[in-house]
Amino acid sequence: MTKALPFTAAGLARAIKGVELAGRYVIGVRPDGTLIVGDKPLETASMIPLERHNAPASKWEDQGA
């Protein structure tokens, strides 16, 4: 049996609008409907993974010193 969500899309929309009217930014939403709020918008460029070195792995790479 499934359980009803403790929030609705309309409730989230109202909460997000309130956050924006307060001059804050919604950074995310937790599974329980809690809004994650920040003072500045999330920089999406910081979410791009950095590339590692392109050298092939050595068979000795995992050996400790």
C-alpha atoms as a PDB file:
ATOM      1  CA  MET A   1       0.000   0.000   0.000  1.00  0.00           C
ATOM      2  CA  THR A   2       1.317   3.460  -0.828  1.00  0.00           C
ATOM      3  CA  LYS A   3       1.242   6.504   1.388  1.00  0.00           C
ATOM      4  CA  ALA A   4       0.047   9.932   0.242  1.00  0.00           C
ATOM      5  CA  LEU A   5       2.729  12.571  -0.189  1.00  0.00           C
ATOM      6  CA  PRO A   6       2.868  15.171   2.596  1.00  0.00           C
ATOM      7  CA  PHE A   7       2.953  17.963  -0.017  1.00  0.00           C
ATOM      8  CA  THR A   8       1.359  18.876  -3.334  1.00  0.00           C
ATOM      9  CA  ALA A   9       2.652  20.569  -6.465  1.00  0.00           C
ATOM     10  CA  ALA A  10       0.473  23.599  -5.678  1.00  0.00           C
ATOM     11  CA  GLY A  11       1.881  23.781  -2.140  1.00  0.00           C
ATOM     12  CA  LEU A  12       5.440  23.628  -3.438  1.00  0.00           C
ATOM     13  CA  ALA A  13       4.683  26.325  -6.033  1.00  0.00           C
ATOM     14  CA  ARG A  14       3.329  28.619  -3.287  1.00  0.00           C
ATOM     15  CA  ALA A  15       6.366  27.993  -1.097  1.00  0.00           C
ATOM     16  CA  ILE A  16       8.783  28.644  -3.986  1.00  0.00           C
ATOM     17  CA  LYS A  17       6.973  31.879  -4.849  1.00  0.00           C
ATOM     18  CA  GLY A  18       7.252  32.977  -1.210  1.00  0.00           C
ATOM     19  CA  VAL A  19      10.976  32.235  -1.169  1.00  0.00           C
ATOM     20  CA  GLU A  20      11.483  34.257  -4.353  1.00  0.00           C
ATOM     21  CA  LEU A  21       9.428  37.162  -3.016  1.00  0.00           C
ATOM     22  CA  ALA A  22      11.681  37.162   0.056  1.00  0.00           C
ATOM     23  CA  GLY A  23      14.691  37.660  -2.229  1.00  0.00           C
ATOM     24  CA  ARG A  24      16.104  34.166  -1.708  1.00  0.00           C
ATOM     25  CA  TYR A  25      16.719  31.301  -4.132  1.00  0.00           C
ATOM     26  CA  VAL A  26      15.464  27.734  -4.099  1.00  0.00           C
ATOM     27  CA  ILE A  27      18.471  25.457  -4.522  1.00  0.00           C
ATOM     28  CA  GLY A  28      16.655  22.143  -4.247  1.00  0.00           C
ATOM     29  CA  VAL A  29      13.752  20.140  -2.888  1.00  0.00           C
ATOM     30  CA  ARG A  30      14.168  17.206  -0.505  1.00  0.00           C
ATOM     31  CA  PRO A  31      12.055  14.057  -0.936  1.00  0.00           C
ATOM     32  CA  ASP A  32       9.834  15.104   1.981  1.00  0.00           C
ATOM     33  CA  GLY A  33       8.997  18.423   0.244  1.00  0.00           C
ATOM     34  CA  THR A  34      11.369  20.605   2.258  1.00  0.00           C
ATOM     35  CA  LEU A  35      12.834  23.446   0.205  1.00  0.00           C
ATOM     36  CA  ILE A  36      16.577  24.036   0.321  1.00  0.00           C
ATOM     37  CA  VAL A  37      17.055  27.800   0.237  1.00  0.00           C
ATOM     38  CA  GLY A  38      20.167  29.896  -0.390  1.00  0.00           C
ATOM     39  CA  ASP A  39      21.206  33.534  -0.526  1.00  0.00           C
ATOM     40  CA  LYS A  40      22.446  33.253  -4.093  1.00  0.00           C
ATOM     41  CA  PRO A  41      21.560  31.016  -7.032  1.00  0.00           C
ATOM     42  CA  LEU A  42      23.342  27.724  -7.459  1.00  0.00           C
ATOM     43  CA  GLU A  43      26.176  27.906  -9.973  1.00  0.00           C
ATOM     44  CA  THR A  44      25.616  25.008 -12.348  1.00  0.00           C
ATOM     45  CA  ALA A  45      29.198  25.249 -13.601  1.00  0.00           C
ATOM     46  CA  SER A  46      30.376  24.031 -10.197  1.00  0.00           C
ATOM     47  CA  MET A  47      28.419  20.795 -10.706  1.00  0.00           C
ATOM     48  CA  ILE A  48      30.405  19.704 -13.788  1.00  0.00           C
ATOM     49  CA  PRO A  49      32.821  16.936 -12.843  1.00  0.00           C
ATOM     50  CA  LEU A  50      36.479  17.680 -13.377  1.00  0.00           C
ATOM     51  CA  GLU A  51      38.374  15.468 -15.784  1.00  0.00           C
ATOM     52  CA  ARG A  52      41.111  13.335 -14.315  1.00  0.00           C
ATOM     53  CA  HIS A  53      44.484  12.795 -15.939  1.00  0.00           C
ATOM     54  CA  ASN A  54      44.306  10.823 -19.173  1.00  0.00           C
ATOM     55  CA  ALA A  55      47.330   8.629 -18.494  1.00  0.00           C
ATOM     56  CA  PRO A  56      46.613   4.906 -18.510  1.00  0.00           C
ATOM     57  CA  ALA A  57      46.418   3.286 -15.099  1.00  0.00           C
ATOM     58  CA  SER A  58      49.540   1.542 -13.882  1.00  0.00           C
ATOM     59  CA  LYS A  59      49.321  -1.932 -12.370  1.00  0.00           C
ATOM     60  CA  TRP A  60      51.214  -0.437  -9.403  1.00  0.00           C
ATOM     61  CA  GLU A  61      48.902   2.544  -8.958  1.00  0.00           C
ATOM     62  CA  ASP A  62      46.874   1.000  -6.150  1.00  0.00           C
ATOM     63  CA  GLN A  63      49.953  -0.055  -4.138  1.00  0.00           C
ATOM     64  CA  GLY A  64      50.686   2.035  -1.035  1.00  0.00           C
ATOM     65  CA  ALA A  65      54.088   3.577  -0.433  1.00  0.00           C
END
